[in-house]
Amino acid sequence: MASDNFRPVYHPAGHDNELRAAVQDLRTGRWLAMRNLLAGTSDWGRWTQRTQILAAVAAGSDAVQAWRAEEPESLAATVMHTRVVVERAIRAHRDGHTRTQELWQQAWEACRSATRHAPDDPVPWVCLLALARLDDRQQMDEHRLAPPGPMLFPGPWGLLAEADKRDPFNREAYHRMLQFVYARRSDGSLSEAVNFVQWAASAAPKGSPLHALPLFVRVERYRRENGHEKALDLHWVTEDATRDALRAVHLWFDHADLAEAALPDLNHLAHALWGSLQFTEGARVFEALGPFYATVPWAYRTRSPGDAAQAEDVFVRARSRCLSSREGRNGPSG
């Protein structure tokens, strides 16, 4: 039910209660909960998502280093070390740090070592894909392989294939590839990104979050075009935008295990349905989100994208509009 008192909660772990507990411990420098959580994670999709979120927290501490010192033979600790050094290299690149090249080399070597020590794990290959965006001139051979289909671009297709071999249609692998597409073009063109996400989604099975990929590109185009500054913005209500949103509902949302769905995917879908005036479908997604939200894409619908409070307000208004539509259709609750 829509409520004037509702306030959303930001937490990268979302509905994953065990991950939220591990993140809390990790923020205080303790690593045992992380180790135990990963020891009980057998699904590659969830493994990839959990290690990514944990690494974003662990990159600011020496918790993983302490874990490796205690358990040097642990494959999970090796993978988390790889995650952490990759995260640090990406942050250094983003911030223009003078040590970027050094950290990039360390991260690349850690990834290659992890592919040998954990040969069945897709994460080291996903990490190599994450590092590919740092090679914005595509100087490395593995970053300019011929594409697997027409209308695609030279890129790290071999890395994507290795991740795919271990976990077909791995969500993060394809998102990392999309980030590579953005980084390789300095002219701001999104045509390659559109071709890539359409290619990826066309091959993905029902229930795959890759069916939400086109929504991310649509948000990126809106961001680059400063859509929020236009007096009359029809970006979200076009036939193409509505089709992308409903396709994500019918091919992903309706078949997915929503308890394991990534918060960015749910937020982009809720945003797309609200923007395309599909309020009843949007209500279903907001209900699946529960109290959780992510700042993006809502921040791009404000005049100050860096203002988290404004992004939260847009989310609350969109949620209220969609839930009110459902309540009006079903009648007031008792």
C-alpha atoms as a PDB file:
ATOM      1  CA  MET A   1       0.000   0.000   0.000  1.00  0.00           C
ATOM      2  CA  ALA A   2       1.188   3.515  -0.761  1.00  0.00           C
ATOM      3  CA  SER A   3       2.032   5.436   2.382  1.00  0.00           C
ATOM      4  CA  ASP A   4       2.987   9.037   3.029  1.00  0.00           C
ATOM      5  CA  ASN A   5       5.227   7.765   5.828  1.00  0.00           C
ATOM      6  CA  PHE A   6       7.197   5.324   3.689  1.00  0.00           C
ATOM      7  CA  ARG A   7      10.960   5.890   3.579  1.00  0.00           C
ATOM      8  CA  PRO A   8      13.108   3.637   1.386  1.00  0.00           C
ATOM      9  CA  VAL A   9      16.241   1.885   2.611  1.00  0.00           C
ATOM     10  CA  TYR A  10      19.501   1.785   0.682  1.00  0.00           C
ATOM     11  CA  HIS A  11      21.570  -1.335   1.225  1.00  0.00           C
ATOM     12  CA  PRO A  12      23.466  -3.098  -1.572  1.00  0.00           C
ATOM     13  CA  ALA A  13      22.561  -6.530  -0.153  1.00  0.00           C
ATOM     14  CA  GLY A  14      18.843  -5.866  -0.454  1.00  0.00           C
ATOM     15  CA  HIS A  15      16.755  -8.879   0.552  1.00  0.00           C
ATOM     16  CA  ASP A  16      19.798 -11.107   1.140  1.00  0.00           C
ATOM     17  CA  ASN A  17      19.707 -11.171   4.938  1.00  0.00           C
ATOM     18  CA  GLU A  18      22.824 -13.319   5.298  1.00  0.00           C
ATOM     19  CA  LEU A  19      24.788 -10.987   3.059  1.00  0.00           C
ATOM     20  CA  ARG A  20      23.608  -7.941   5.002  1.00  0.00           C
ATOM     21  CA  ALA A  21      24.916  -9.516   8.210  1.00  0.00           C
ATOM     22  CA  ALA A  22      28.264 -10.341   6.590  1.00  0.00           C
ATOM     23  CA  VAL A  23      28.572  -6.800   5.241  1.00  0.00           C
ATOM     24  CA  GLN A  24      27.917  -5.403   8.708  1.00  0.00           C
ATOM     25  CA  ASP A  25      30.672  -7.551  10.200  1.00  0.00           C
ATOM     26  CA  LEU A  26      33.023  -6.666   7.366  1.00  0.00           C
ATOM     27  CA  ARG A  27      32.527  -2.968   7.998  1.00  0.00           C
ATOM     28  CA  THR A  28      33.929  -3.516  11.491  1.00  0.00           C
ATOM     29  CA  GLY A  29      36.931  -5.413  10.116  1.00  0.00           C
ATOM     30  CA  ARG A  30      35.700  -8.936  10.903  1.00  0.00           C
ATOM     31  CA  TRP A  31      35.900 -11.553   8.133  1.00  0.00           C
ATOM     32  CA  LEU A  32      34.485 -14.751   9.686  1.00  0.00           C
ATOM     33  CA  ALA A  33      30.893 -14.042   8.626  1.00  0.00           C
ATOM     34  CA  MET A  34      32.097 -13.413   5.063  1.00  0.00           C
ATOM     35  CA  ARG A  35      33.989 -16.708   5.025  1.00  0.00           C
ATOM     36  CA  ASN A  36      31.032 -18.649   6.406  1.00  0.00           C
ATOM     37  CA  LEU A  37      28.597 -17.005   3.991  1.00  0.00           C
ATOM     38  CA  LEU A  38      30.726 -17.837   0.965  1.00  0.00           C
ATOM     39  CA  ALA A  39      31.276 -21.394   2.205  1.00  0.00           C
ATOM     40  CA  GLY A  40      27.518 -21.890   2.042  1.00  0.00           C
ATOM     41  CA  THR A  41      27.080 -20.290  -1.399  1.00  0.00           C
ATOM     42  CA  SER A  42      26.902 -22.919  -4.134  1.00  0.00           C
ATOM     43  CA  ASP A  43      25.081 -21.102  -6.942  1.00  0.00           C
ATOM     44  CA  TRP A  44      27.407 -19.219  -9.304  1.00  0.00           C
ATOM     45  CA  GLY A  45      24.975 -16.368  -9.843  1.00  0.00           C
ATOM     46  CA  ARG A  46      24.617 -15.699  -6.141  1.00  0.00           C
ATOM     47  CA  TRP A  47      28.349 -16.313  -5.609  1.00  0.00           C
ATOM     48  CA  THR A  48      29.160 -13.641  -8.188  1.00  0.00           C
ATOM     49  CA  GLN A  49      26.747 -11.139  -6.675  1.00  0.00           C
ATOM     50  CA  ARG A  50      27.834 -11.737  -3.097  1.00  0.00           C
ATOM     51  CA  THR A  51      31.560 -11.503  -3.832  1.00  0.00           C
ATOM     52  CA  GLN A  52      31.007  -8.278  -5.770  1.00  0.00           C
ATOM     53  CA  ILE A  53      29.118  -6.598  -2.924  1.00  0.00           C
ATOM     54  CA  LEU A  54      31.527  -7.850  -0.279  1.00  0.00           C
ATOM     55  CA  ALA A  55      34.515  -6.598  -2.273  1.00  0.00           C
ATOM     56  CA  ALA A  56      33.061  -3.087  -2.504  1.00  0.00           C
ATOM     57  CA  VAL A  57      33.103  -3.015   1.302  1.00  0.00           C
ATOM     58  CA  ALA A  58      36.359  -4.915   1.830  1.00  0.00           C
ATOM     59  CA  ALA A  59      38.341  -2.702  -0.567  1.00  0.00           C
ATOM     60  CA  GLY A  60      38.663  -0.096   2.156  1.00  0.00           C
ATOM     61  CA  SER A  61      40.143  -2.436   4.757  1.00  0.00           C
ATOM     62  CA  ASP A  62      42.661  -5.243   5.220  1.00  0.00           C
ATOM     63  CA  ALA A  63      40.040  -7.830   6.233  1.00  0.00           C
ATOM     64  CA  VAL A  64      40.601 -10.057   3.197  1.00  0.00           C
ATOM     65  CA  GLN A  65      44.355  -9.843   3.693  1.00  0.00           C
ATOM     66  CA  ALA A  66      43.859 -11.020   7.279  1.00  0.00           C
ATOM     67  CA  TRP A  67      41.676 -13.891   6.072  1.00  0.00           C
ATOM     68  CA  ARG A  68      44.291 -15.013   3.552  1.00  0.00           C
ATOM     69  CA  ALA A  69      46.970 -14.884   6.230  1.00  0.00           C
ATOM     70  CA  GLU A  70      44.901 -17.201   8.429  1.00  0.00           C
ATOM     71  CA  GLU A  71      43.780 -19.510   5.603  1.00  0.00           C
ATOM     72  CA  PRO A  72      46.295 -19.243   2.752  1.00  0.00           C
ATOM     73  CA  GLU A  73      44.874 -22.319   0.971  1.00  0.00           C
ATOM     74  CA  SER A  74      41.316 -20.996   0.859  1.00  0.00           C
ATOM     75  CA  LEU A  75      40.015 -20.622  -2.707  1.00  0.00           C
ATOM     76  CA  ALA A  76      37.276 -18.288  -1.494  1.00  0.00           C
ATOM     77  CA  ALA A  77      39.895 -16.027   0.098  1.00  0.00           C
ATOM     78  CA  THR A  78      41.879 -16.072  -3.144  1.00  0.00           C
ATOM     79  CA  VAL A  79      38.822 -15.032  -5.142  1.00  0.00           C
ATOM     80  CA  MET A  80      37.977 -12.287  -2.652  1.00  0.00           C
ATOM     81  CA  HIS A  81      41.551 -11.006  -2.827  1.00  0.00           C
ATOM     82  CA  THR A  82      41.134 -10.803  -6.595  1.00  0.00           C
ATOM     83  CA  ARG A  83      37.848  -8.960  -6.180  1.00  0.00           C
ATOM     84  CA  VAL A  84      39.395  -6.447  -3.795  1.00  0.00           C
ATOM     85  CA  VAL A  85      42.470  -5.585  -5.875  1.00  0.00           C
ATOM     86  CA  VAL A  86      40.294  -5.199  -8.978  1.00  0.00           C
ATOM     87  CA  GLU A  87      37.932  -2.884  -7.088  1.00  0.00           C
ATOM     88  CA  ARG A  88      40.879  -0.782  -5.941  1.00  0.00           C
ATOM     89  CA  ALA A  89      42.282  -0.525  -9.465  1.00  0.00           C
ATOM     90  CA  ILE A  90      38.910   0.570 -10.855  1.00  0.00           C
ATOM     91  CA  ARG A  91      38.516   3.192  -8.140  1.00  0.00           C
ATOM     92  CA  ALA A  92      42.030   4.511  -8.795  1.00  0.00           C
ATOM     93  CA  HIS A  93      41.270   4.796 -12.504  1.00  0.00           C
ATOM     94  CA  ARG A  94      37.996   6.583 -11.817  1.00  0.00           C
ATOM     95  CA  ASP A  95      39.702   9.046  -9.462  1.00  0.00           C
ATOM     96  CA  GLY A  96      42.703   9.654 -11.754  1.00  0.00           C
ATOM     97  CA  HIS A  97      45.127   8.276  -9.166  1.00  0.00           C
ATOM     98  CA  THR A  98      48.813   8.230 -10.069  1.00  0.00           C
ATOM     99  CA  ARG A  99      49.099   4.548  -9.046  1.00  0.00           C
ATOM    100  CA  THR A 100      46.420   3.388 -11.461  1.00  0.00           C
ATOM    101  CA  GLN A 101      48.831   1.580 -13.796  1.00  0.00           C
ATOM    102  CA  GLU A 102      50.546  -0.206 -10.903  1.00  0.00           C
ATOM    103  CA  LEU A 103      47.249  -1.266  -9.321  1.00  0.00           C
ATOM    104  CA  TRP A 104      45.916  -2.377 -12.709  1.00  0.00           C
ATOM    105  CA  GLN A 105      48.950  -4.620 -13.223  1.00  0.00           C
ATOM    106  CA  GLN A 106      48.592  -6.114  -9.735  1.00  0.00           C
ATOM    107  CA  ALA A 107      44.900  -6.756 -10.318  1.00  0.00           C
ATOM    108  CA  TRP A 108      45.479  -8.346 -13.729  1.00  0.00           C
ATOM    109  CA  GLU A 109      48.081 -10.702 -12.274  1.00  0.00           C
ATOM    110  CA  ALA A 110      45.740 -11.605  -9.390  1.00  0.00           C
ATOM    111  CA  CYS A 111      42.976 -12.408 -11.892  1.00  0.00           C
ATOM    112  CA  ARG A 112      45.206 -14.657 -13.968  1.00  0.00           C
ATOM    113  CA  SER A 113      46.411 -16.439 -10.839  1.00  0.00           C
ATOM    114  CA  ALA A 114      42.820 -16.954  -9.684  1.00  0.00           C
ATOM    115  CA  THR A 115      41.821 -18.475 -13.048  1.00  0.00           C
ATOM    116  CA  ARG A 116      44.446 -21.163 -12.420  1.00  0.00           C
ATOM    117  CA  HIS A 117      43.646 -21.774  -8.755  1.00  0.00           C
ATOM    118  CA  ALA A 118      39.848 -21.688  -9.170  1.00  0.00           C
ATOM    119  CA  PRO A 119      39.389 -22.954 -12.745  1.00  0.00           C
ATOM    120  CA  ASP A 120      35.617 -23.541 -12.444  1.00  0.00           C
ATOM    121  CA  ASP A 121      34.829 -20.110 -11.001  1.00  0.00           C
ATOM    122  CA  PRO A 122      33.446 -17.421 -13.358  1.00  0.00           C
ATOM    123  CA  VAL A 123      34.444 -14.557 -11.045  1.00  0.00           C
ATOM    124  CA  PRO A 124      38.137 -14.277 -12.074  1.00  0.00           C
ATOM    125  CA  TRP A 125      36.983 -13.934 -15.684  1.00  0.00           C
ATOM    126  CA  VAL A 126      34.338 -11.407 -14.671  1.00  0.00           C
ATOM    127  CA  CYS A 127      37.112  -9.477 -12.918  1.00  0.00           C
ATOM    128  CA  LEU A 128      39.228  -9.501 -16.086  1.00  0.00           C
ATOM    129  CA  LEU A 129      36.211  -8.087 -17.922  1.00  0.00           C
ATOM    130  CA  ALA A 130      35.943  -5.375 -15.264  1.00  0.00           C
ATOM    131  CA  LEU A 131      39.578  -4.426 -15.840  1.00  0.00           C
ATOM    132  CA  ALA A 132      39.096  -4.304 -19.621  1.00  0.00           C
ATOM    133  CA  ARG A 133      37.418  -0.912 -19.368  1.00  0.00           C
ATOM    134  CA  LEU A 134      40.696   0.531 -18.053  1.00  0.00           C
ATOM    135  CA  ASP A 135      42.274  -0.288 -21.434  1.00  0.00           C
ATOM    136  CA  ASP A 136      40.302   2.465 -23.132  1.00  0.00           C
ATOM    137  CA  ARG A 137      42.542   2.390 -26.224  1.00  0.00           C
ATOM    138  CA  GLN A 138      42.233  -1.407 -26.522  1.00  0.00           C
ATOM    139  CA  GLN A 139      45.974  -1.936 -26.602  1.00  0.00           C
ATOM    140  CA  MET A 140      45.807  -5.490 -25.217  1.00  0.00           C
ATOM    141  CA  ASP A 141      45.110  -8.203 -27.765  1.00  0.00           C
ATOM    142  CA  GLU A 142      42.486  -9.859 -25.563  1.00  0.00           C
ATOM    143  CA  HIS A 143      40.473  -6.636 -25.575  1.00  0.00           C
ATOM    144  CA  ARG A 144      40.055  -6.373 -29.373  1.00  0.00           C
ATOM    145  CA  LEU A 145      38.960  -9.793 -30.546  1.00  0.00           C
ATOM    146  CA  ALA A 146      36.546 -10.082 -33.450  1.00  0.00           C
ATOM    147  CA  PRO A 147      32.888 -10.038 -32.345  1.00  0.00           C
ATOM    148  CA  PRO A 148      30.648 -13.120 -32.442  1.00  0.00           C
ATOM    149  CA  GLY A 149      27.988 -11.462 -34.575  1.00  0.00           C
ATOM    150  CA  PRO A 150      27.203  -8.584 -36.965  1.00  0.00           C
ATOM    151  CA  MET A 151      26.711  -5.031 -35.671  1.00  0.00           C
ATOM    152  CA  LEU A 152      28.971  -5.760 -32.680  1.00  0.00           C
ATOM    153  CA  PHE A 153      32.420  -4.340 -31.885  1.00  0.00           C
ATOM    154  CA  PRO A 154      35.942  -5.715 -31.358  1.00  0.00           C
ATOM    155  CA  GLY A 155      36.370  -6.377 -27.667  1.00  0.00           C
ATOM    156  CA  PRO A 156      37.127  -8.853 -24.852  1.00  0.00           C
ATOM    157  CA  TRP A 157      34.851 -11.524 -26.279  1.00  0.00           C
ATOM    158  CA  GLY A 158      37.178 -14.306 -25.181  1.00  0.00           C
ATOM    159  CA  LEU A 159      36.860 -13.206 -21.550  1.00  0.00           C
ATOM    160  CA  LEU A 160      33.084 -13.087 -21.832  1.00  0.00           C
ATOM    161  CA  ALA A 161      33.097 -16.564 -23.393  1.00  0.00           C
ATOM    162  CA  GLU A 162      35.144 -17.933 -20.478  1.00  0.00           C
ATOM    163  CA  ALA A 163      32.701 -16.474 -17.946  1.00  0.00           C
ATOM    164  CA  ASP A 164      29.793 -17.807 -20.018  1.00  0.00           C
ATOM    165  CA  LYS A 165      31.360 -21.261 -20.105  1.00  0.00           C
ATOM    166  CA  ARG A 166      31.332 -21.405 -16.305  1.00  0.00           C
ATOM    167  CA  ASP A 167      28.049 -19.574 -15.667  1.00  0.00           C
ATOM    168  CA  PRO A 168      25.968 -19.007 -18.805  1.00  0.00           C
ATOM    169  CA  PHE A 169      24.490 -15.496 -19.035  1.00  0.00           C
ATOM    170  CA  ASN A 170      26.238 -14.373 -15.854  1.00  0.00           C
ATOM    171  CA  ARG A 171      24.638 -11.033 -15.020  1.00  0.00           C
ATOM    172  CA  GLU A 172      27.763  -9.178 -13.934  1.00  0.00           C
ATOM    173  CA  ALA A 173      29.821 -10.442 -16.890  1.00  0.00           C
ATOM    174  CA  TYR A 174      27.414  -8.822 -19.350  1.00  0.00           C
ATOM    175  CA  HIS A 175      27.172  -5.620 -17.342  1.00  0.00           C
ATOM    176  CA  ARG A 176      30.976  -5.420 -17.291  1.00  0.00           C
ATOM    177  CA  MET A 177      30.954  -5.856 -21.045  1.00  0.00           C
ATOM    178  CA  LEU A 178      28.455  -3.009 -21.320  1.00  0.00           C
ATOM    179  CA  GLN A 179      30.762  -0.794 -19.260  1.00  0.00           C
ATOM    180  CA  PHE A 180      33.577  -1.690 -21.645  1.00  0.00           C
ATOM    181  CA  VAL A 181      31.404  -0.512 -24.539  1.00  0.00           C
ATOM    182  CA  TYR A 182      30.864   2.859 -22.848  1.00  0.00           C
ATOM    183  CA  ALA A 183      34.592   3.256 -22.170  1.00  0.00           C
ATOM    184  CA  ARG A 184      35.825   2.410 -25.677  1.00  0.00           C
ATOM    185  CA  ARG A 185      33.948   5.202 -27.428  1.00  0.00           C
ATOM    186  CA  SER A 186      34.951   8.772 -26.676  1.00  0.00           C
ATOM    187  CA  ASP A 187      32.272  10.327 -28.893  1.00  0.00           C
ATOM    188  CA  GLY A 188      29.417   9.402 -26.576  1.00  0.00           C
ATOM    189  CA  SER A 189      27.646   7.251 -29.177  1.00  0.00           C
ATOM    190  CA  LEU A 190      25.396   4.604 -27.680  1.00  0.00           C
ATOM    191  CA  SER A 191      24.654   2.681 -30.867  1.00  0.00           C
ATOM    192  CA  GLU A 192      27.180  -0.028 -30.003  1.00  0.00           C
ATOM    193  CA  ALA A 193      25.665  -0.379 -26.551  1.00  0.00           C
ATOM    194  CA  VAL A 194      22.175  -0.734 -28.018  1.00  0.00           C
ATOM    195  CA  ASN A 195      23.368  -3.410 -30.440  1.00  0.00           C
ATOM    196  CA  PHE A 196      25.149  -5.276 -27.653  1.00  0.00           C
ATOM    197  CA  VAL A 197      22.245  -5.387 -25.201  1.00  0.00           C
ATOM    198  CA  GLN A 198      19.807  -6.413 -27.921  1.00  0.00           C
ATOM    199  CA  TRP A 199      22.175  -9.201 -28.949  1.00  0.00           C
ATOM    200  CA  ALA A 200      22.621 -10.351 -25.335  1.00  0.00           C
ATOM    201  CA  ALA A 201      18.922 -10.224 -24.455  1.00  0.00           C
ATOM    202  CA  SER A 202      17.898 -12.031 -27.647  1.00  0.00           C
ATOM    203  CA  ALA A 203      19.899 -15.108 -26.625  1.00  0.00           C
ATOM    204  CA  ALA A 204      19.064 -15.080 -22.898  1.00  0.00           C
ATOM    205  CA  PRO A 205      16.543 -17.596 -21.531  1.00  0.00           C
ATOM    206  CA  LYS A 206      13.373 -16.646 -19.690  1.00  0.00           C
ATOM    207  CA  GLY A 207      14.132 -15.607 -16.141  1.00  0.00           C
ATOM    208  CA  SER A 208      17.529 -14.111 -17.066  1.00  0.00           C
ATOM    209  CA  PRO A 209      18.223 -10.581 -15.781  1.00  0.00           C
ATOM    210  CA  LEU A 210      19.862  -9.849 -19.127  1.00  0.00           C
ATOM    211  CA  HIS A 211      16.368  -9.012 -20.367  1.00  0.00           C
ATOM    212  CA  ALA A 212      16.656  -5.869 -18.229  1.00  0.00           C
ATOM    213  CA  LEU A 213      19.903  -4.754 -19.910  1.00  0.00           C
ATOM    214  CA  PRO A 214      18.166  -2.499 -22.485  1.00  0.00           C
ATOM    215  CA  LEU A 215      16.694  -0.486 -19.615  1.00  0.00           C
ATOM    216  CA  PHE A 216      20.191   0.413 -18.428  1.00  0.00           C
ATOM    217  CA  VAL A 217      21.179   1.732 -21.854  1.00  0.00           C
ATOM    218  CA  ARG A 218      17.999   3.785 -22.060  1.00  0.00           C
ATOM    219  CA  VAL A 219      18.853   5.399 -18.699  1.00  0.00           C
ATOM    220  CA  GLU A 220      22.410   6.074 -19.859  1.00  0.00           C
ATOM    221  CA  ARG A 221      21.134   7.818 -22.994  1.00  0.00           C
ATOM    222  CA  TYR A 222      18.776   9.923 -20.873  1.00  0.00           C
ATOM    223  CA  ARG A 223      21.660  10.863 -18.577  1.00  0.00           C
ATOM    224  CA  ARG A 224      23.918  11.897 -21.434  1.00  0.00           C
ATOM    225  CA  GLU A 225      21.204  13.941 -23.107  1.00  0.00           C
ATOM    226  CA  ASN A 226      20.312  15.729 -19.848  1.00  0.00           C
ATOM    227  CA  GLY A 227      16.727  14.641 -20.322  1.00  0.00           C
ATOM    228  CA  HIS A 228      15.596  16.133 -17.031  1.00  0.00           C
ATOM    229  CA  GLU A 229      16.341  19.619 -18.389  1.00  0.00           C
ATOM    230  CA  LYS A 230      13.847  19.338 -21.241  1.00  0.00           C
ATOM    231  CA  ALA A 231      10.532  21.117 -20.852  1.00  0.00           C
ATOM    232  CA  LEU A 232       8.610  18.240 -22.431  1.00  0.00           C
ATOM    233  CA  ASP A 233      10.375  14.932 -22.044  1.00  0.00           C
ATOM    234  CA  LEU A 234       8.870  12.039 -23.992  1.00  0.00           C
ATOM    235  CA  HIS A 235      11.905   9.786 -23.613  1.00  0.00           C
ATOM    236  CA  TRP A 236      10.151   7.239 -21.396  1.00  0.00           C
ATOM    237  CA  VAL A 237       6.733   6.989 -23.064  1.00  0.00           C
ATOM    238  CA  THR A 238       7.792   6.109 -26.593  1.00  0.00           C
ATOM    239  CA  GLU A 239       6.692   2.825 -28.112  1.00  0.00           C
ATOM    240  CA  ASP A 240      10.255   1.480 -27.885  1.00  0.00           C
ATOM    241  CA  ALA A 241      10.602   2.417 -24.223  1.00  0.00           C
ATOM    242  CA  THR A 242       7.289   0.806 -23.316  1.00  0.00           C
ATOM    243  CA  ARG A 243       8.170  -2.330 -25.270  1.00  0.00           C
ATOM    244  CA  ASP A 244      11.538  -2.668 -23.500  1.00  0.00           C
ATOM    245  CA  ALA A 245       9.905  -2.280 -20.097  1.00  0.00           C
ATOM    246  CA  LEU A 246       7.128  -4.808 -20.724  1.00  0.00           C
ATOM    247  CA  ARG A 247       9.535  -7.272 -22.325  1.00  0.00           C
ATOM    248  CA  ALA A 248      11.663  -7.176 -19.166  1.00  0.00           C
ATOM    249  CA  VAL A 249       8.535  -7.910 -17.120  1.00  0.00           C
ATOM    250  CA  HIS A 250       7.389 -10.836 -19.224  1.00  0.00           C
ATOM    251  CA  LEU A 251      10.788 -12.411 -19.964  1.00  0.00           C
ATOM    252  CA  TRP A 252      12.619 -11.731 -16.692  1.00  0.00           C
ATOM    253  CA  PHE A 253      10.475 -10.534 -13.783  1.00  0.00           C
ATOM    254  CA  ASP A 254       7.635 -13.030 -14.252  1.00  0.00           C
ATOM    255  CA  HIS A 255      10.056 -15.974 -14.249  1.00  0.00           C
ATOM    256  CA  ALA A 256      12.805 -14.850 -11.867  1.00  0.00           C
ATOM    257  CA  ASP A 257      13.591 -15.815  -8.296  1.00  0.00           C
ATOM    258  CA  LEU A 258      12.958 -12.329  -6.975  1.00  0.00           C
ATOM    259  CA  ALA A 259      14.579 -13.103  -3.639  1.00  0.00           C
ATOM    260  CA  GLU A 260      17.886 -13.244  -5.510  1.00  0.00           C
ATOM    261  CA  ALA A 261      17.239 -10.404  -7.971  1.00  0.00           C
ATOM    262  CA  ALA A 262      19.801  -7.613  -8.030  1.00  0.00           C
ATOM    263  CA  LEU A 263      18.513  -4.305  -6.673  1.00  0.00           C
ATOM    264  CA  PRO A 264      19.733  -2.324  -9.718  1.00  0.00           C
ATOM    265  CA  ASP A 265      17.662  -4.555 -12.023  1.00  0.00           C
ATOM    266  CA  LEU A 266      14.489  -4.167  -9.973  1.00  0.00           C
ATOM    267  CA  ASN A 267      14.996  -0.417  -9.666  1.00  0.00           C
ATOM    268  CA  HIS A 268      15.575   0.039 -13.389  1.00  0.00           C
ATOM    269  CA  LEU A 269      12.475  -2.011 -14.158  1.00  0.00           C
ATOM    270  CA  ALA A 270      10.306  -0.108 -11.656  1.00  0.00           C
ATOM    271  CA  HIS A 271      11.617   3.149 -13.084  1.00  0.00           C
ATOM    272  CA  ALA A 272      10.946   2.104 -16.688  1.00  0.00           C
ATOM    273  CA  LEU A 273       7.390   0.985 -15.944  1.00  0.00           C
ATOM    274  CA  TRP A 274       6.608   4.165 -14.042  1.00  0.00           C
ATOM    275  CA  GLY A 275       8.134   6.303 -16.793  1.00  0.00           C
ATOM    276  CA  SER A 276       6.161   4.508 -19.519  1.00  0.00           C
ATOM    277  CA  LEU A 277       2.928   4.897 -17.516  1.00  0.00           C
ATOM    278  CA  GLN A 278       2.587   1.151 -16.915  1.00  0.00           C
ATOM    279  CA  PHE A 279       1.571   1.774 -13.319  1.00  0.00           C
ATOM    280  CA  THR A 280      -0.120  -1.541 -12.559  1.00  0.00           C
ATOM    281  CA  GLU A 281       2.899  -3.530 -13.666  1.00  0.00           C
ATOM    282  CA  GLY A 282       5.104  -1.048 -11.854  1.00  0.00           C
ATOM    283  CA  ALA A 283       3.222  -1.734  -8.619  1.00  0.00           C
ATOM    284  CA  ARG A 284       4.215  -5.396  -8.813  1.00  0.00           C
ATOM    285  CA  VAL A 285       7.893  -4.459  -9.060  1.00  0.00           C
ATOM    286  CA  PHE A 286       7.699  -1.925  -6.222  1.00  0.00           C
ATOM    287  CA  GLU A 287       6.066  -4.596  -4.069  1.00  0.00           C
ATOM    288  CA  ALA A 288       8.927  -6.969  -4.894  1.00  0.00           C
ATOM    289  CA  LEU A 289      11.420  -4.260  -3.918  1.00  0.00           C
ATOM    290  CA  GLY A 290       9.828  -3.833  -0.516  1.00  0.00           C
ATOM    291  CA  PRO A 291      11.695  -1.167   1.462  1.00  0.00           C
ATOM    292  CA  PHE A 292      14.861  -1.302  -0.644  1.00  0.00           C
ATOM    293  CA  TYR A 293      15.955   1.034  -3.402  1.00  0.00           C
ATOM    294  CA  ALA A 294      19.062   2.106  -5.316  1.00  0.00           C
ATOM    295  CA  THR A 295      19.955   5.730  -6.033  1.00  0.00           C
ATOM    296  CA  VAL A 296      20.354   5.081  -9.769  1.00  0.00           C
ATOM    297  CA  PRO A 297      18.340   5.516 -11.973  1.00  0.00           C
ATOM    298  CA  TRP A 298      16.173   7.794  -9.829  1.00  0.00           C
ATOM    299  CA  ALA A 299      18.978  10.339  -9.412  1.00  0.00           C
ATOM    300  CA  TYR A 300      18.948  11.064 -13.129  1.00  0.00           C
ATOM    301  CA  ARG A 301      15.345  12.249 -12.944  1.00  0.00           C
ATOM    302  CA  THR A 302      16.396  15.141 -10.686  1.00  0.00           C
ATOM    303  CA  ARG A 303      18.074  18.462 -11.392  1.00  0.00           C
ATOM    304  CA  SER A 304      20.899  17.546  -9.007  1.00  0.00           C
ATOM    305  CA  PRO A 305      21.925  13.927  -9.793  1.00  0.00           C
ATOM    306  CA  GLY A 306      24.377  13.931  -6.906  1.00  0.00           C
ATOM    307  CA  ASP A 307      21.649  14.704  -4.372  1.00  0.00           C
ATOM    308  CA  ALA A 308      20.601  11.398  -2.786  1.00  0.00           C
ATOM    309  CA  ALA A 309      17.634  13.019  -1.020  1.00  0.00           C
ATOM    310  CA  GLN A 310      16.168  14.184  -4.324  1.00  0.00           C
ATOM    311  CA  ALA A 311      16.630  10.711  -5.817  1.00  0.00           C
ATOM    312  CA  GLU A 312      14.832   9.212  -2.833  1.00  0.00           C
ATOM    313  CA  ASP A 313      11.944  11.631  -3.270  1.00  0.00           C
ATOM    314  CA  VAL A 314      11.526  10.647  -6.931  1.00  0.00           C
ATOM    315  CA  PHE A 315      11.509   6.974  -5.942  1.00  0.00           C
ATOM    316  CA  VAL A 316       8.860   7.573  -3.273  1.00  0.00           C
ATOM    317  CA  ARG A 317       6.650   9.532  -5.665  1.00  0.00           C
ATOM    318  CA  ALA A 318       6.951   6.865  -8.364  1.00  0.00           C
ATOM    319  CA  ARG A 319       6.192   4.106  -5.880  1.00  0.00           C
ATOM    320  CA  SER A 320       3.171   5.962  -4.516  1.00  0.00           C
ATOM    321  CA  ARG A 321       1.829   6.590  -8.025  1.00  0.00           C
ATOM    322  CA  CYS A 322       2.124   2.939  -9.038  1.00  0.00           C
ATOM    323  CA  LEU A 323       0.725   1.497  -5.814  1.00  0.00           C
ATOM    324  CA  SER A 324      -2.150   3.979  -5.852  1.00  0.00           C
ATOM    325  CA  SER A 325      -3.030   2.808  -9.335  1.00  0.00           C
ATOM    326  CA  ARG A 326      -3.307  -0.760  -8.102  1.00  0.00           C
ATOM    327  CA  GLU A 327      -5.349   0.271  -5.074  1.00  0.00           C
ATOM    328  CA  GLY A 328      -7.707   2.269  -7.254  1.00  0.00           C
ATOM    329  CA  ARG A 329      -8.190  -0.724  -9.496  1.00  0.00           C
ATOM    330  CA  ASN A 330      -8.799  -3.199  -6.687  1.00  0.00           C
ATOM    331  CA  GLY A 331     -10.724  -0.884  -4.375  1.00  0.00           C
ATOM    332  CA  PRO A 332      -9.643   0.281  -0.928  1.00  0.00           C
ATOM    333  CA  SER A 333      -8.187  -2.279   1.422  1.00  0.00           C
ATOM    334  CA  GLY A 334      -9.959  -3.013   4.649  1.00  0.00           C
END
